[in-house]
Amino acid sequence: MTRRVEYAQIEATLDDLTYPVLRDDAAADLEDVTLVLAEDETNLGVLISETDSDAFRSREDLVVELEESVGVALDEARAPAAETDGDGE
């Protein structure tokens, strides 16, 4: 069964892994997770398999790699949408 995880909530899912973990093992363990991004979805296992590192010493190492792959820092994904000042610019 496929699980759906919002990108801003990914750390809880990554906590399910035992570190250190090989990239291939992490990808296999999370192949049933659909990662929901702002306007897109992707398979988390596939995303991990496409990272540059062969292994991850900690959840934080994996988060850094995923941030580079996705192009959005996890802190940015958690932040509320920027408020506009109403001037239209």
PDB file of N, CA and C in Angstrom:
ATOM      1  N   MET A   1       0.838  -1.180   0.000  1.00  0.00           N
ATOM      2  CA  MET A   1       0.000   0.000   0.000  1.00  0.00           C
ATOM      3  C   MET A   1       0.888   1.250   0.000  1.00  0.00           C
ATOM      4  N   THR A   2       0.547   2.196  -0.799  1.00  0.00           N
ATOM      5  CA  THR A   2       1.320   3.418  -0.933  1.00  0.00           C
ATOM      6  C   THR A   2       0.945   4.413   0.157  1.00  0.00           C
ATOM      7  N   ARG A   3       1.965   4.999   0.768  1.00  0.00           N
ATOM      8  CA  ARG A   3       1.755   6.071   1.751  1.00  0.00           C
ATOM      9  C   ARG A   3       2.018   7.395   1.071  1.00  0.00           C
ATOM     10  N   ARG A   4       1.267   8.401   1.453  1.00  0.00           N
ATOM     11  CA  ARG A   4       1.460   9.752   0.932  1.00  0.00           C
ATOM     12  C   ARG A   4       2.009  10.616   2.062  1.00  0.00           C
ATOM     13  N   VAL A   5       3.100  11.308   1.782  1.00  0.00           N
ATOM     14  CA  VAL A   5       3.752  12.142   2.783  1.00  0.00           C
ATOM     15  C   VAL A   5       3.988  13.523   2.191  1.00  0.00           C
ATOM     16  N   GLU A   6       3.569  14.553   2.917  1.00  0.00           N
ATOM     17  CA  GLU A   6       3.858  15.928   2.510  1.00  0.00           C
ATOM     18  C   GLU A   6       5.353  16.177   2.715  1.00  0.00           C
ATOM     19  N   TYR A   7       5.972  16.909   1.806  1.00  0.00           N
ATOM     20  CA  TYR A   7       7.410  17.182   1.897  1.00  0.00           C
ATOM     21  C   TYR A   7       7.781  17.819   3.232  1.00  0.00           C
ATOM     22  N   ALA A   8       6.947  18.717   3.723  1.00  0.00           N
ATOM     23  CA  ALA A   8       7.236  19.400   4.992  1.00  0.00           C
ATOM     24  C   ALA A   8       7.222  18.441   6.177  1.00  0.00           C
ATOM     25  N   GLN A   9       6.658  17.241   5.997  1.00  0.00           N
ATOM     26  CA  GLN A   9       6.554  16.254   7.077  1.00  0.00           C
ATOM     27  C   GLN A   9       7.462  15.048   6.851  1.00  0.00           C
ATOM     28  N   ILE A  10       8.423  15.169   5.963  1.00  0.00           N
ATOM     29  CA  ILE A  10       9.236  14.027   5.553  1.00  0.00           C
ATOM     30  C   ILE A  10      10.136  13.469   6.660  1.00  0.00           C
ATOM     31  N   GLU A  11      10.534  14.303   7.609  1.00  0.00           N
ATOM     32  CA  GLU A  11      11.476  13.845   8.631  1.00  0.00           C
ATOM     33  C   GLU A  11      10.933  12.661   9.427  1.00  0.00           C
ATOM     34  N   ALA A  12       9.653  12.651   9.722  1.00  0.00           N
ATOM     35  CA  ALA A  12       9.062  11.528  10.462  1.00  0.00           C
ATOM     36  C   ALA A  12       9.187  10.233   9.668  1.00  0.00           C
ATOM     37  N   THR A  13       9.031  10.303   8.369  1.00  0.00           N
ATOM     38  CA  THR A  13       9.171   9.125   7.511  1.00  0.00           C
ATOM     39  C   THR A  13      10.621   8.671   7.471  1.00  0.00           C
ATOM     40  N   LEU A  14      11.544   9.610   7.382  1.00  0.00           N
ATOM     41  CA  LEU A  14      12.963   9.265   7.340  1.00  0.00           C
ATOM     42  C   LEU A  14      13.442   8.699   8.670  1.00  0.00           C
ATOM     43  N   ASP A  15      12.737   9.008   9.745  1.00  0.00           N
ATOM     44  CA  ASP A  15      13.080   8.444  11.060  1.00  0.00           C
ATOM     45  C   ASP A  15      12.840   6.941  11.113  1.00  0.00           C
ATOM     46  N   ASP A  16      12.044   6.413  10.192  1.00  0.00           N
ATOM     47  CA  ASP A  16      11.776   4.975  10.149  1.00  0.00           C
ATOM     48  C   ASP A  16      13.008   4.169   9.731  1.00  0.00           C
ATOM     49  N   LEU A  17      13.969   4.818   9.100  1.00  0.00           N
ATOM     50  CA  LEU A  17      15.185   4.139   8.652  1.00  0.00           C
ATOM     51  C   LEU A  17      16.162   3.990   9.810  1.00  0.00           C
ATOM     52  N   THR A  18      17.031   3.000   9.721  1.00  0.00           N
ATOM     53  CA  THR A  18      18.095   2.814  10.698  1.00  0.00           C
ATOM     54  C   THR A  18      19.387   3.326  10.077  1.00  0.00           C
ATOM     55  N   TYR A  19      20.023   4.269  10.747  1.00  0.00           N
ATOM     56  CA  TYR A  19      21.235   4.913  10.235  1.00  0.00           C
ATOM     57  C   TYR A  19      22.465   4.350  10.917  1.00  0.00           C
ATOM     58  N   PRO A  20      23.577   4.272  10.193  1.00  0.00           N
ATOM     59  CA  PRO A  20      23.761   4.650   8.788  1.00  0.00           C
ATOM     60  C   PRO A  20      22.993   3.689   7.876  1.00  0.00           C
ATOM     61  N   VAL A  21      22.650   4.189   6.692  1.00  0.00           N
ATOM     62  CA  VAL A  21      21.897   3.393   5.735  1.00  0.00           C
ATOM     63  C   VAL A  21      22.469   3.611   4.332  1.00  0.00           C
ATOM     64  N   LEU A  22      22.553   2.538   3.579  1.00  0.00           N
ATOM     65  CA  LEU A  22      22.985   2.638   2.183  1.00  0.00           C
ATOM     66  C   LEU A  22      21.871   3.252   1.353  1.00  0.00           C
ATOM     67  N   ARG A  23      22.252   4.004   0.335  1.00  0.00           N
ATOM     68  CA  ARG A  23      21.265   4.648  -0.543  1.00  0.00           C
ATOM     69  C   ARG A  23      20.283   3.624  -1.105  1.00  0.00           C
ATOM     70  N   ASP A  24      20.789   2.491  -1.601  1.00  0.00           N
ATOM     71  CA  ASP A  24      19.908   1.483  -2.205  1.00  0.00           C
ATOM     72  C   ASP A  24      18.929   0.901  -1.191  1.00  0.00           C
ATOM     73  N   ASP A  25      19.380   0.711   0.045  1.00  0.00           N
ATOM     74  CA  ASP A  25      18.493   0.184   1.089  1.00  0.00           C
ATOM     75  C   ASP A  25      17.421   1.207   1.460  1.00  0.00           C
ATOM     76  N   ALA A  26      17.810   2.468   1.577  1.00  0.00           N
ATOM     77  CA  ALA A  26      16.846   3.516   1.895  1.00  0.00           C
ATOM     78  C   ALA A  26      15.809   3.634   0.781  1.00  0.00           C
ATOM     79  N   ALA A  27      16.267   3.581  -0.454  1.00  0.00           N
ATOM     80  CA  ALA A  27      15.356   3.674  -1.593  1.00  0.00           C
ATOM     81  C   ALA A  27      14.370   2.510  -1.595  1.00  0.00           C
ATOM     82  N   ALA A  28      14.858   1.314  -1.315  1.00  0.00           N
ATOM     83  CA  ALA A  28      13.986   0.136  -1.285  1.00  0.00           C
ATOM     84  C   ALA A  28      12.987   0.218  -0.136  1.00  0.00           C
ATOM     85  N   ASP A  29      13.443   0.666   1.027  1.00  0.00           N
ATOM     86  CA  ASP A  29      12.558   0.761   2.188  1.00  0.00           C
ATOM     87  C   ASP A  29      11.455   1.795   1.997  1.00  0.00           C
ATOM     88  N   LEU A  30      11.702   2.811   1.174  1.00  0.00           N
ATOM     89  CA  LEU A  30      10.733   3.897   1.009  1.00  0.00           C
ATOM     90  C   LEU A  30      10.110   3.926  -0.384  1.00  0.00           C
ATOM     91  N   GLU A  31      10.183   2.804  -1.100  1.00  0.00           N
ATOM     92  CA  GLU A  31       9.619   2.765  -2.443  1.00  0.00           C
ATOM     93  C   GLU A  31       8.094   2.832  -2.454  1.00  0.00           C
ATOM     94  N   ASP A  32       7.471   2.627  -1.289  1.00  0.00           N
ATOM     95  CA  ASP A  32       6.013   2.677  -1.205  1.00  0.00           C
ATOM     96  C   ASP A  32       5.502   4.047  -0.767  1.00  0.00           C
ATOM     97  N   VAL A  33       6.382   5.054  -0.755  1.00  0.00           N
ATOM     98  CA  VAL A  33       6.004   6.390  -0.285  1.00  0.00           C
ATOM     99  C   VAL A  33       5.914   7.353  -1.465  1.00  0.00           C
ATOM    100  N   THR A  34       4.771   8.018  -1.563  1.00  0.00           N
ATOM    101  CA  THR A  34       4.599   9.087  -2.536  1.00  0.00           C
ATOM    102  C   THR A  34       4.859  10.393  -1.815  1.00  0.00           C
ATOM    103  N   LEU A  35       5.839  11.136  -2.288  1.00  0.00           N
ATOM    104  CA  LEU A  35       6.195  12.411  -1.691  1.00  0.00           C
ATOM    105  C   LEU A  35       5.410  13.503  -2.393  1.00  0.00           C
ATOM    106  N   VAL A  36       4.636  14.247  -1.618  1.00  0.00           N
ATOM    107  CA  VAL A  36       3.789  15.306  -2.163  1.00  0.00           C
ATOM    108  C   VAL A  36       4.544  16.624  -2.027  1.00  0.00           C
ATOM    109  N   LEU A  37       4.866  17.196  -3.173  1.00  0.00           N
ATOM    110  CA  LEU A  37       5.552  18.486  -3.221  1.00  0.00           C
ATOM    111  C   LEU A  37       4.507  19.568  -3.489  1.00  0.00           C
ATOM    112  N   ALA A  38       4.902  20.809  -3.574  1.00  0.00           N
ATOM    113  CA  ALA A  38       3.975  21.926  -3.738  1.00  0.00           C
ATOM    114  C   ALA A  38       2.937  21.670  -4.834  1.00  0.00           C
ATOM    115  N   GLU A  39       3.393  21.381  -6.018  1.00  0.00           N
ATOM    116  CA  GLU A  39       2.468  21.184  -7.129  1.00  0.00           C
ATOM    117  C   GLU A  39       2.756  19.888  -7.874  1.00  0.00           C
ATOM    118  N   ASP A  40       3.410  18.957  -7.206  1.00  0.00           N
ATOM    119  CA  ASP A  40       3.839  17.736  -7.869  1.00  0.00           C
ATOM    120  C   ASP A  40       3.890  16.601  -6.861  1.00  0.00           C
ATOM    121  N   GLU A  41       4.032  15.401  -7.364  1.00  0.00           N
ATOM    122  CA  GLU A  41       4.226  14.217  -6.545  1.00  0.00           C
ATOM    123  C   GLU A  41       5.336  13.395  -7.168  1.00  0.00           C
ATOM    124  N   THR A  42       6.079  12.678  -6.329  1.00  0.00           N
ATOM    125  CA  THR A  42       7.132  11.809  -6.827  1.00  0.00           C
ATOM    126  C   THR A  42       7.294  10.641  -5.867  1.00  0.00           C
ATOM    127  N   ASN A  43       7.879   9.584  -6.340  1.00  0.00           N
ATOM    128  CA  ASN A  43       8.143   8.431  -5.492  1.00  0.00           C
ATOM    129  C   ASN A  43       9.400   8.706  -4.677  1.00  0.00           C
ATOM    130  N   LEU A  44       9.282   8.613  -3.362  1.00  0.00           N
ATOM    131  CA  LEU A  44      10.408   8.921  -2.488  1.00  0.00           C
ATOM    132  C   LEU A  44      11.570   7.954  -2.708  1.00  0.00           C
ATOM    133  N   GLY A  45      11.282   6.682  -2.900  1.00  0.00           N
ATOM    134  CA  GLY A  45      12.338   5.706  -3.151  1.00  0.00           C
ATOM    135  C   GLY A  45      13.137   6.038  -4.397  1.00  0.00           C
ATOM    136  N   VAL A  46      12.455   6.420  -5.452  1.00  0.00           N
ATOM    137  CA  VAL A  46      13.129   6.797  -6.698  1.00  0.00           C
ATOM    138  C   VAL A  46      13.966   8.052  -6.474  1.00  0.00           C
ATOM    139  N   LEU A  47      13.409   9.021  -5.769  1.00  0.00           N
ATOM    140  CA  LEU A  47      14.133  10.255  -5.492  1.00  0.00           C
ATOM    141  C   LEU A  47      15.416   9.975  -4.714  1.00  0.00           C
ATOM    142  N   ILE A  48      15.334   9.108  -3.725  1.00  0.00           N
ATOM    143  CA  ILE A  48      16.523   8.747  -2.947  1.00  0.00           C
ATOM    144  C   ILE A  48      17.534   8.012  -3.825  1.00  0.00           C
ATOM    145  N   SER A  49      17.058   7.133  -4.697  1.00  0.00           N
ATOM    146  CA  SER A  49      17.968   6.367  -5.555  1.00  0.00           C
ATOM    147  C   SER A  49      18.744   7.258  -6.518  1.00  0.00           C
ATOM    148  N   GLU A  50      18.252   8.460  -6.755  1.00  0.00           N
ATOM    149  CA  GLU A  50      18.890   9.388  -7.677  1.00  0.00           C
ATOM    150  C   GLU A  50      19.820  10.386  -6.981  1.00  0.00           C
ATOM    151  N   THR A  51      19.986  10.257  -5.658  1.00  0.00           N
ATOM    152  CA  THR A  51      20.889  11.156  -4.942  1.00  0.00           C
ATOM    153  C   THR A  51      22.337  10.780  -5.226  1.00  0.00           C
ATOM    154  N   ASP A  52      23.249  11.679  -4.886  1.00  0.00           N
ATOM    155  CA  ASP A  52      24.665  11.477  -5.182  1.00  0.00           C
ATOM    156  C   ASP A  52      25.386  10.577  -4.186  1.00  0.00           C
ATOM    157  N   SER A  53      24.964  10.588  -2.942  1.00  0.00           N
ATOM    158  CA  SER A  53      25.666   9.820  -1.904  1.00  0.00           C
ATOM    159  C   SER A  53      25.340   8.341  -1.990  1.00  0.00           C
ATOM    160  N   ASP A  54      26.323   7.515  -1.660  1.00  0.00           N
ATOM    161  CA  ASP A  54      26.117   6.068  -1.627  1.00  0.00           C
ATOM    162  C   ASP A  54      25.504   5.610  -0.319  1.00  0.00           C
ATOM    163  N   ALA A  55      25.652   6.435   0.732  1.00  0.00           N
ATOM    164  CA  ALA A  55      25.127   6.095   2.055  1.00  0.00           C
ATOM    165  C   ALA A  55      24.865   7.382   2.825  1.00  0.00           C
ATOM    166  N   PHE A  56      24.056   7.253   3.878  1.00  0.00           N
ATOM    167  CA  PHE A  56      23.708   8.391   4.714  1.00  0.00           C
ATOM    168  C   PHE A  56      23.992   8.032   6.160  1.00  0.00           C
ATOM    169  N   ARG A  57      24.789   8.864   6.834  1.00  0.00           N
ATOM    170  CA  ARG A  57      25.137   8.618   8.235  1.00  0.00           C
ATOM    171  C   ARG A  57      24.002   8.959   9.180  1.00  0.00           C
ATOM    172  N   SER A  58      23.143   9.889   8.761  1.00  0.00           N
ATOM    173  CA  SER A  58      22.065  10.340   9.634  1.00  0.00           C
ATOM    174  C   SER A  58      20.889  10.819   8.789  1.00  0.00           C
ATOM    175  N   ARG A  59      19.771  11.040   9.474  1.00  0.00           N
ATOM    176  CA  ARG A  59      18.596  11.584   8.788  1.00  0.00           C
ATOM    177  C   ARG A  59      18.942  12.936   8.179  1.00  0.00           C
ATOM    178  N   GLU A  60      19.720  13.727   8.900  1.00  0.00           N
ATOM    179  CA  GLU A  60      20.075  15.056   8.418  1.00  0.00           C
ATOM    180  C   GLU A  60      20.847  14.985   7.099  1.00  0.00           C
ATOM    181  N   ASP A  61      21.745  14.003   6.971  1.00  0.00           N
ATOM    182  CA  ASP A  61      22.480  13.823   5.711  1.00  0.00           C
ATOM    183  C   ASP A  61      21.522  13.541   4.562  1.00  0.00           C
ATOM    184  N   LEU A  62      20.547  12.699   4.814  1.00  0.00           N
ATOM    185  CA  LEU A  62      19.576  12.357   3.779  1.00  0.00           C
ATOM    186  C   LEU A  62      18.697  13.558   3.443  1.00  0.00           C
ATOM    187  N   VAL A  63      18.304  14.327   4.448  1.00  0.00           N
ATOM    188  CA  VAL A  63      17.495  15.523   4.207  1.00  0.00           C
ATOM    189  C   VAL A  63      18.238  16.501   3.307  1.00  0.00           C
ATOM    190  N   VAL A  64      19.527  16.701   3.562  1.00  0.00           N
ATOM    191  CA  VAL A  64      20.330  17.615   2.743  1.00  0.00           C
ATOM    192  C   VAL A  64      20.328  17.156   1.287  1.00  0.00           C
ATOM    193  N   GLU A  65      20.526  15.877   1.068  1.00  0.00           N
ATOM    194  CA  GLU A  65      20.526  15.340  -0.308  1.00  0.00           C
ATOM    195  C   GLU A  65      19.161  15.541  -0.970  1.00  0.00           C
ATOM    196  N   LEU A  66      18.096  15.298  -0.223  1.00  0.00           N
ATOM    197  CA  LEU A  66      16.756  15.460  -0.785  1.00  0.00           C
ATOM    198  C   LEU A  66      16.456  16.927  -1.073  1.00  0.00           C
ATOM    199  N   GLU A  67      16.909  17.816  -0.207  1.00  0.00           N
ATOM    200  CA  GLU A  67      16.719  19.244  -0.463  1.00  0.00           C
ATOM    201  C   GLU A  67      17.390  19.647  -1.771  1.00  0.00           C
ATOM    202  N   GLU A  68      18.579  19.108  -2.023  1.00  0.00           N
ATOM    203  CA  GLU A  68      19.283  19.410  -3.274  1.00  0.00           C
ATOM    204  C   GLU A  68      18.521  18.848  -4.470  1.00  0.00           C
ATOM    205  N   SER A  69      17.960  17.653  -4.322  1.00  0.00           N
ATOM    206  CA  SER A  69      17.221  17.026  -5.419  1.00  0.00           C
ATOM    207  C   SER A  69      15.927  17.763  -5.718  1.00  0.00           C
ATOM    208  N   VAL A  70      15.223  18.141  -4.666  1.00  0.00           N
ATOM    209  CA  VAL A  70      13.918  18.791  -4.818  1.00  0.00           C
ATOM    210  C   VAL A  70      14.081  20.270  -5.147  1.00  0.00           C
ATOM    211  N   GLY A  71      15.163  20.865  -4.647  1.00  0.00           N
ATOM    212  CA  GLY A  71      15.398  22.281  -4.896  1.00  0.00           C
ATOM    213  C   GLY A  71      14.712  23.187  -3.894  1.00  0.00           C
ATOM    214  N   VAL A  72      14.231  22.609  -2.794  1.00  0.00           N
ATOM    215  CA  VAL A  72      13.558  23.395  -1.764  1.00  0.00           C
ATOM    216  C   VAL A  72      14.067  22.933  -0.410  1.00  0.00           C
ATOM    217  N   ALA A  73      14.496  23.880   0.403  1.00  0.00           N
ATOM    218  CA  ALA A  73      14.924  23.539   1.756  1.00  0.00           C
ATOM    219  C   ALA A  73      13.708  23.150   2.577  1.00  0.00           C
ATOM    220  N   LEU A  74      13.870  22.181   3.438  1.00  0.00           N
ATOM    221  CA  LEU A  74      12.776  21.708   4.271  1.00  0.00           C
ATOM    222  C   LEU A  74      12.212  22.836   5.118  1.00  0.00           C
ATOM    223  N   ASP A  75      13.044  23.728   5.614  1.00  0.00           N
ATOM    224  CA  ASP A  75      12.571  24.866   6.395  1.00  0.00           C
ATOM    225  C   ASP A  75      11.653  25.761   5.568  1.00  0.00           C
ATOM    226  N   GLU A  76      11.981  25.937   4.294  1.00  0.00           N
ATOM    227  CA  GLU A  76      11.133  26.738   3.409  1.00  0.00           C
ATOM    228  C   GLU A  76       9.790  26.062   3.189  1.00  0.00           C
ATOM    229  N   ALA A  77       9.794  24.759   3.080  1.00  0.00           N
ATOM    230  CA  ALA A  77       8.547  24.027   2.848  1.00  0.00           C
ATOM    231  C   ALA A  77       7.627  24.117   4.058  1.00  0.00           C
ATOM    232  N   ARG A  78       8.206  24.232   5.248  1.00  0.00           N
ATOM    233  CA  ARG A  78       7.403  24.334   6.472  1.00  0.00           C
ATOM    234  C   ARG A  78       6.874  25.740   6.712  1.00  0.00           C
ATOM    235  N   ALA A  79       7.534  26.749   6.150  1.00  0.00           N
ATOM    236  CA  ALA A  79       7.146  28.144   6.388  1.00  0.00           C
ATOM    237  C   ALA A  79       5.805  28.439   5.745  1.00  0.00           C
ATOM    238  N   PRO A  80       4.981  29.234   6.417  1.00  0.00           N
ATOM    239  CA  PRO A  80       3.706  29.620   5.800  1.00  0.00           C
ATOM    240  C   PRO A  80       3.966  30.426   4.540  1.00  0.00           C
ATOM    241  N   ALA A  81       3.010  30.422   3.651  1.00  0.00           N
ATOM    242  CA  ALA A  81       3.152  31.179   2.402  1.00  0.00           C
ATOM    243  C   ALA A  81       3.461  32.629   2.729  1.00  0.00           C
ATOM    244  N   ALA A  82       4.327  33.204   1.941  1.00  0.00           N
ATOM    245  CA  ALA A  82       4.718  34.600   2.162  1.00  0.00           C
ATOM    246  C   ALA A  82       3.503  35.506   2.006  1.00  0.00           C
ATOM    247  N   GLU A  83       3.384  36.430   2.929  1.00  0.00           N
ATOM    248  CA  GLU A  83       2.279  37.380   2.848  1.00  0.00           C
ATOM    249  C   GLU A  83       2.641  38.472   1.875  1.00  0.00           C
ATOM    250  N   THR A  84       1.641  38.944   1.134  1.00  0.00           N
ATOM    251  CA  THR A  84       1.880  40.039   0.210  1.00  0.00           C
ATOM    252  C   THR A  84       1.494  41.329   0.910  1.00  0.00           C
ATOM    253  N   ASP A  85       2.103  42.428   0.465  1.00  0.00           N
ATOM    254  CA  ASP A  85       1.803  43.696   1.093  1.00  0.00           C
ATOM    255  C   ASP A  85       0.691  44.446   0.373  1.00  0.00           C
ATOM    256  N   GLY A  86       0.122  43.806  -0.652  1.00  0.00           N
ATOM    257  CA  GLY A  86      -1.034  44.381  -1.324  1.00  0.00           C
ATOM    258  C   GLY A  86      -0.704  45.340  -2.439  1.00  0.00           C
ATOM    259  N   ASP A  87       0.577  45.563  -2.738  1.00  0.00           N
ATOM    260  CA  ASP A  87       0.894  46.499  -3.806  1.00  0.00           C
ATOM    261  C   ASP A  87       1.010  45.828  -5.160  1.00  0.00           C
ATOM    262  N   GLY A  88       0.860  44.498  -5.194  1.00  0.00           N
ATOM    263  CA  GLY A  88       0.846  43.810  -6.462  1.00  0.00           C
ATOM    264  C   GLY A  88       2.209  43.597  -7.075  1.00  0.00           C
ATOM    265  N   GLU A  89       3.271  43.931  -6.397  1.00  0.00           N
ATOM    266  CA  GLU A  89       4.603  43.781  -6.951  1.00  0.00           C
ATOM    267  C   GLU A  89       5.360  42.700  -6.250  1.00  0.00           C
TER     268      GLU A  89
END
